[in-house]
Protein backbone atom coordinates (compact mmCIF):
# COMPACT_ATOMS: atom_id res chain seq x y z
CA LEU A 1 12.08 -97.40 50.80
CA SER A 2 9.06 -95.18 51.25
CA VAL A 3 8.42 -91.64 52.34
CA ALA A 4 5.16 -90.08 53.39
CA PRO A 5 5.86 -86.36 53.16
CA SER A 6 3.54 -83.66 54.39
CA VAL A 7 4.02 -80.05 53.40
CA ALA A 8 3.24 -77.12 55.66
CA ALA A 9 3.65 -73.64 54.27
CA VAL A 10 4.87 -71.05 56.71
CA SER A 11 3.74 -67.63 55.61
CA GLY A 12 5.68 -64.44 55.91
CA VAL A 13 9.22 -63.35 55.54
CA LEU A 14 11.73 -64.55 58.11
CA GLY A 15 14.49 -62.09 57.48
CA LEU A 16 16.62 -60.04 55.15
CA VAL A 17 19.87 -61.32 53.82
CA GLY A 18 22.73 -58.84 53.86
CA GLY A 19 25.98 -58.92 51.97
CA THR A 20 26.04 -59.02 48.21
CA VAL A 21 23.04 -61.31 47.86
CA GLY A 22 20.49 -58.69 48.87
CA ALA A 23 17.53 -61.06 48.69
CA THR A 24 14.65 -61.71 51.02
CA VAL A 25 14.55 -65.11 52.70
CA GLY A 26 11.10 -66.63 52.88
CA THR A 27 10.55 -70.21 53.97
CA LYS A 28 8.39 -73.20 53.22
CA VAL A 29 8.75 -76.17 55.54
CA VAL A 30 8.59 -79.67 54.09
CA SER A 31 8.17 -82.38 56.72
CA LEU A 32 9.70 -85.73 55.82
CA SER A 33 8.86 -88.97 57.56
CA SER A 34 9.30 -92.65 56.83
CA ALA A 35 7.30 -95.79 57.42
CA ASN A 36 10.60 -97.40 58.46
CA SER A 37 11.53 -94.91 61.21
CA ASN A 38 10.17 -92.75 64.00
CA GLY A 39 10.57 -89.00 64.10
CA GLY A 40 11.05 -86.78 61.11
CA ILE A 41 13.15 -84.19 59.30
CA SER A 42 11.94 -80.67 58.56
CA VAL A 43 13.48 -79.05 55.49
CA HIS A 44 13.16 -75.27 55.64
CA TRP A 45 13.46 -74.03 52.07
CA VAL A 46 14.89 -70.61 52.84
CA ARG A 47 15.13 -69.80 49.14
CA GLN A 48 13.26 -71.27 46.19
CA ILE A 49 13.94 -69.84 42.74
CA PRO A 50 13.85 -71.31 39.24
CA SER A 51 17.05 -73.32 39.46
CA LEU A 52 18.69 -76.45 38.13
CA HIS A 53 20.46 -77.20 41.42
CA ALA A 54 19.60 -77.52 45.11
CA VAL A 55 21.82 -77.17 48.17
CA VAL A 56 20.66 -78.53 51.53
CA PHE A 57 22.48 -77.64 54.75
CA LEU A 58 22.41 -79.83 57.86
CA PRO A 59 23.79 -77.58 60.63
CA GLY A 60 24.23 -80.19 63.40
CA TRP A 61 22.92 -77.81 66.08
CA LEU A 62 20.84 -74.65 66.32
CA PRO A 63 21.94 -71.38 67.90
CA ASP A 64 19.89 -70.25 70.88
CA HIS A 65 17.22 -67.72 69.92
CA HIS A 66 14.85 -68.58 72.77
CA GLY A 67 12.60 -70.59 70.47
CA ASP A 68 11.48 -67.53 68.50
CA GLY A 69 12.44 -68.96 65.12
CA GLY A 70 15.51 -66.74 64.87
CA GLU A 71 17.81 -69.75 64.61
CA ILE A 72 16.34 -70.58 61.20
CA VAL A 73 16.85 -66.96 60.13
CA SER A 74 20.45 -67.02 61.35
CA CYS A 75 21.38 -70.30 59.67
CA GLY A 76 19.40 -69.46 56.54
CA ASP A 77 21.08 -66.08 56.13
CA GLU A 78 24.55 -67.61 56.29
CA ALA A 79 23.56 -70.35 53.82
CA VAL A 80 22.27 -67.80 51.29
CA ARG A 81 25.41 -65.67 51.63
CA ALA A 82 27.57 -68.75 51.05
CA VAL A 83 25.71 -70.09 48.02
CA GLY A 84 25.11 -66.69 46.44
CA ALA A 85 22.60 -66.38 43.65
CA TYR A 86 22.93 -69.99 42.49
CA GLY A 87 20.46 -72.71 43.48
CA ASP A 88 17.60 -73.43 45.83
CA ILE A 89 18.65 -73.55 49.48
CA GLY A 90 17.25 -75.80 52.18
CA LEU A 91 18.02 -76.12 55.89
CA ALA A 92 17.35 -79.58 57.35
CA VAL A 93 16.45 -79.96 61.03
CA TRP A 94 15.87 -83.47 62.39
CA ASP A 95 15.43 -83.06 66.14
CA GLU A 96 14.84 -79.40 66.79
CA THR A 97 14.66 -79.53 70.59
CA LYS A 98 17.87 -81.53 70.94
CA MET A 99 19.62 -79.36 68.34
CA ARG A 100 18.78 -76.25 70.37
CA GLU A 101 19.90 -77.91 73.60
CA LEU A 102 23.21 -78.91 72.01
CA GLY A 103 23.79 -75.39 70.72
CA LYS A 104 23.26 -73.92 74.19
CA ALA A 105 25.50 -76.55 75.79
CA MET A 106 28.36 -75.98 73.35
CA VAL A 107 28.30 -72.22 73.93
CA ALA A 108 28.26 -72.76 77.70
CA SER A 109 31.27 -75.08 77.48
CA LEU A 110 33.56 -72.60 75.72
CA PRO A 111 34.98 -70.86 78.83
CA ASN A 112 36.21 -74.22 80.15
CA LEU A 113 38.10 -74.86 76.92
CA ALA A 114 40.19 -71.69 77.13
CA THR A 115 43.37 -73.56 78.08
CA GLU A 116 43.01 -76.20 75.37
CA LEU A 117 45.13 -74.36 72.81
CA SER A 118 48.14 -74.58 75.13
CA GLN A 119 47.72 -78.36 75.29
CA GLN A 120 47.58 -79.06 71.55
CA VAL A 121 51.21 -80.17 71.37
CA ALA A 122 50.70 -82.57 74.28
CA SER A 123 47.60 -84.01 72.65
CA ARG A 124 49.63 -84.93 69.56
CA ILE A 125 52.52 -86.66 71.31
CA MET A 126 50.70 -88.49 74.12
CA PRO A 127 48.46 -91.53 73.67
CA ARG A 128 44.88 -90.39 73.21
CA ALA A 129 43.35 -92.16 76.19
CA LEU A 130 46.17 -90.99 78.48
CA HIS A 131 45.78 -87.42 77.29
CA LEU A 132 42.03 -87.43 77.87
CA THR A 133 42.18 -88.98 81.31
CA THR A 134 45.23 -87.21 82.75
CA LEU A 135 45.34 -83.76 81.16
CA TRP A 136 41.60 -83.18 80.96
CA PRO A 137 40.04 -84.73 84.09
CA GLY A 138 38.56 -81.47 85.38
CA LYS A 139 37.82 -80.20 81.89
CA LEU A 140 35.82 -83.28 81.02
CA ASP A 141 33.82 -82.80 84.21
CA HIS A 142 33.11 -79.17 83.32
CA THR A 143 32.20 -79.95 79.71
CA SER A 144 29.94 -82.85 80.66
CA ILE A 145 27.07 -80.46 79.88
CA VAL A 146 27.81 -81.24 76.23
CA ASP A 147 27.81 -85.01 76.70
CA ALA A 148 24.09 -85.65 77.13
CA PRO A 149 22.71 -83.48 74.29
CA TRP A 150 25.55 -84.60 71.99
CA ALA A 151 24.95 -88.29 72.74
CA MET A 152 21.18 -87.99 72.37
CA LEU A 153 21.38 -86.16 69.05
CA ARG A 154 24.05 -88.58 67.83
CA GLY A 155 21.66 -91.42 68.64
CA THR A 156 18.94 -90.18 66.29
CA THR A 157 21.63 -89.20 63.76
CA ASP A 158 22.85 -92.79 63.63
CA SER A 159 19.39 -94.37 63.42
CA SER A 160 15.98 -92.93 62.56
CA ALA A 161 17.10 -89.63 61.00
CA ALA A 162 19.52 -91.39 58.65
CA GLN A 163 16.77 -93.68 57.38
CA ILE A 164 14.41 -90.76 56.82
CA LEU A 165 17.07 -88.78 54.95
CA VAL A 166 18.00 -91.65 52.65
CA ASP A 167 14.32 -92.36 51.95
CA ALA A 168 13.83 -88.72 50.98
CA ILE A 169 16.87 -88.80 48.69
CA VAL A 170 15.85 -92.02 46.94
CA ASN A 171 12.27 -90.85 46.48
CA SER A 172 13.32 -87.43 45.14
CA GLN A 173 11.77 -85.55 48.05
CA MET A 174 14.86 -83.41 48.65
CA ALA A 175 15.49 -81.85 45.26
CA GLY A 176 13.34 -83.73 42.78
CA THR A 177 15.52 -84.93 39.93
CA ARG A 178 17.91 -81.96 40.10
CA PRO A 179 21.56 -82.26 41.15
CA LEU A 180 21.75 -82.15 44.95
CA THR A 181 24.59 -80.86 47.11
CA LEU A 182 24.55 -81.75 50.82
CA VAL A 183 26.50 -79.65 53.33
CA GLY A 184 26.87 -80.98 56.87
CA ILE A 185 28.40 -79.42 59.99
CA GLY A 186 29.37 -81.55 62.99
CA LEU A 187 26.66 -84.15 63.55
CA GLY A 188 24.97 -82.88 60.38
CA ALA A 189 27.93 -84.29 58.45
CA ARG A 190 27.52 -87.56 60.32
CA LEU A 191 23.85 -87.72 59.34
CA ILE A 192 24.76 -87.29 55.67
CA PHE A 193 27.46 -89.95 56.03
CA ASN A 194 25.00 -92.42 57.56
CA ALA A 195 22.45 -91.77 54.83
CA LEU A 196 25.04 -92.31 52.09
CA LEU A 197 26.11 -95.50 53.82
CA LEU A 198 22.53 -96.75 53.64
CA LEU A 199 22.58 -96.05 49.90
CA CYS A 200 25.58 -98.39 49.69
CA THR A 201 23.91 -101.19 51.61
CA SER A 202 20.96 -101.54 49.24
CA THR A 203 20.74 -104.53 46.93
CA THR A 204 23.47 -104.71 44.31
CA SER A 205 21.08 -103.68 41.55
CA ASN A 206 20.13 -100.52 43.43
CA ILE A 207 23.64 -99.36 44.26
CA ASP A 208 24.33 -98.31 40.68
CA GLU A 209 20.97 -96.55 40.57
CA ASN A 210 21.75 -94.73 43.81
CA ARG A 211 25.06 -93.41 42.55
CA GLY A 212 24.59 -89.79 41.66
CA LEU A 213 21.43 -89.13 43.69
CA VAL A 214 23.73 -86.83 45.68
CA GLU A 215 26.10 -85.00 43.35
CA ASN A 216 28.37 -83.20 45.84
CA VAL A 217 29.09 -83.45 49.57
CA VAL A 218 30.75 -80.90 51.87
CA PHE A 219 31.66 -81.77 55.46
CA LEU A 220 32.60 -79.08 57.98
CA GLY A 221 33.94 -80.22 61.35
CA ALA A 222 32.61 -83.71 60.68
CA ALA A 223 31.89 -85.85 63.75
CA ILE A 224 32.84 -89.07 61.94
CA PRO A 225 35.77 -91.31 62.96
CA THR A 226 38.61 -91.19 60.45
CA GLY A 227 39.31 -94.88 61.05
CA TRP A 228 36.14 -96.02 59.30
CA MET A 229 38.07 -96.48 56.04
CA GLN A 230 35.79 -99.10 54.53
CA GLN A 231 32.75 -96.92 55.16
CA TRP A 232 34.49 -93.79 53.83
CA ARG A 233 35.36 -95.60 50.59
CA ALA A 234 31.79 -96.84 50.28
CA VAL A 235 30.15 -93.42 50.66
CA ARG A 236 32.69 -91.85 48.32
CA SER A 237 31.72 -94.36 45.64
CA VAL A 238 28.09 -93.14 45.45
CA VAL A 239 28.98 -89.43 45.11
CA PRO A 240 30.16 -88.73 41.54
CA GLY A 241 31.05 -85.07 42.09
CA ARG A 242 33.14 -83.35 44.72
CA PHE A 243 33.47 -84.85 48.20
CA ILE A 244 35.04 -82.28 50.50
CA ASN A 245 36.25 -82.53 54.10
CA CYS A 246 36.95 -79.21 55.84
CA TYR A 247 38.75 -79.58 59.15
CA CYS A 248 40.44 -77.66 61.95
CA PRO A 249 43.21 -79.55 63.81
CA THR A 250 42.84 -77.38 66.92
CA ASP A 251 39.06 -77.78 67.35
CA SER A 252 38.99 -78.49 71.07
CA LEU A 253 35.19 -78.38 71.21
CA LEU A 254 34.80 -81.16 68.65
CA ARG A 255 37.50 -83.20 70.39
CA VAL A 256 35.83 -82.87 73.79
CA ALA A 257 32.35 -83.55 72.42
CA SER A 258 33.71 -86.72 70.79
CA HIS A 259 35.75 -87.87 73.79
CA ALA A 260 33.50 -90.86 74.62
CA GLU A 261 33.79 -92.19 71.07
CA LEU A 262 37.53 -91.41 71.03
CA LEU A 263 38.02 -93.79 73.95
CA GLU A 264 36.18 -96.53 72.04
CA THR A 265 37.42 -95.87 68.50
CA PRO A 266 41.17 -95.55 67.79
CA SER A 267 40.73 -92.57 65.48
CA GLU A 268 39.87 -88.92 65.76
CA PRO A 269 36.92 -87.31 63.97
CA ALA A 270 37.33 -86.07 60.41
CA GLY A 271 36.73 -82.53 61.58
CA LEU A 272 40.24 -82.58 63.07
CA MET A 273 42.27 -84.07 60.23
CA PRO A 274 42.30 -85.03 56.54
CA ILE A 275 40.81 -88.24 55.15
CA ILE A 276 43.18 -90.13 52.86
CA LEU A 277 41.51 -93.10 51.18
CA GLY A 278 44.35 -94.31 49.00
CA THR A 279 48.09 -93.94 48.71
CA SER A 280 47.97 -90.43 47.27
CA PRO A 281 45.69 -87.52 48.20
CA GLU A 282 46.20 -86.14 44.69
CA VAL A 283 44.24 -88.89 42.91
CA SER A 284 41.22 -87.14 41.45
CA GLY A 285 37.82 -88.76 41.33
CA ASP A 286 38.55 -91.48 43.89
CA GLU A 287 39.74 -89.39 46.80
CA ILE A 288 38.31 -86.85 49.21
CA GLU A 289 39.30 -83.19 48.98
CA ASN A 290 40.73 -82.02 52.30
CA HIS A 291 40.99 -78.38 53.37
CA ASP A 292 42.40 -77.04 56.61
CA VAL A 293 40.12 -74.04 57.22
CA THR A 294 41.74 -72.84 60.45
CA SER A 295 42.79 -69.58 58.81
CA LEU A 296 40.62 -67.94 56.15
CA ASN A 297 40.62 -64.44 54.69
CA ASN A 298 39.59 -62.21 57.61
CA PHE A 299 38.20 -65.21 59.53
CA MET A 300 39.46 -67.97 61.81
CA VAL A 301 37.93 -71.33 62.67
CA ARG A 302 38.90 -72.34 66.19
CA THR A 303 35.98 -74.52 67.27
CA LEU A 304 32.94 -76.22 65.80
CA LEU A 305 30.78 -73.19 66.64
CA ASP A 306 32.78 -70.95 64.31
CA TYR A 307 31.39 -72.71 61.24
CA GLN A 308 28.10 -70.89 61.89
CA SER A 309 29.70 -67.53 62.72
CA PRO A 310 28.77 -64.66 60.38
CA GLY A 311 30.76 -64.75 57.16
CA VAL A 312 32.67 -67.98 57.82
CA LEU A 313 30.53 -70.23 55.65
CA GLN A 314 30.78 -67.76 52.77
CA ALA A 315 34.57 -67.59 53.18
CA ILE A 316 34.79 -71.39 53.08
CA PHE A 317 32.62 -71.60 49.95
CA ASN A 318 34.82 -68.98 48.30
CA LEU A 319 37.89 -71.03 49.19
CA LEU A 320 36.34 -74.18 47.75
CA LYS A 321 35.05 -72.30 44.69
CA LEU A 322 31.56 -73.67 45.18
């Protein structure tokens, strides 16, 4: 594995962080690329302080700020509020144009999902394919605006971006030799999952070396099929610390965005339900922590977009005691 990083410093201050942090967010952008893959990943270090730990967020989409850079400010502010005063904070973007397009498409699809909550009971008692094709025919037509940007971003998530991310992790380009926590939302969680899976498919001698390169993992609304049990066990084995899956069973946006894969894979995404690897979810060290984050103190998660709403990420981190 090899990485040829180039570093571009972006001068100036991007924004002020409110809340209890009260710090200014400046940013340096580190561009990661790989000889093994096309494209690249830009890591916006929204906070760099003398620290023994680094936290990198992969948001899965970018909110629409008309290309003025405000999306980095928005995501960076929420990340700093969530982490607090502890650790360097990075925001990883792997296909900026497609991430913006997906963010716009998801927002535009929300009005057509207004009746989904009334259909949750039906979705649990009817076969999945029947539910999607009979109860949602018009809805799937209306939300087809999500299909193309979701599928295109998922394509790079499953291929080139995953290779670049794992190269950066192995070659200490993400956090050096410090403990690294990765936080992924939606397709960002899927990118982390794919990178960890690549760590598991190295030669046998390297697998032990790769264990611990990522200390903790947090998934929010993960767009990863729950039925991939062998893969889930594999990625869990290379993360020695906490492996957390935060989900919302009523996330109609994630369900609709994943409908094509739902018809092919007999399992819903992890962002809708817990992941149980063994016979007991209470087994520490070998299992995945699952948290239903539908209802938080003063906040509610209803769809994938809510994970980037002001204050939600901080409320989730408080719940998880991170």
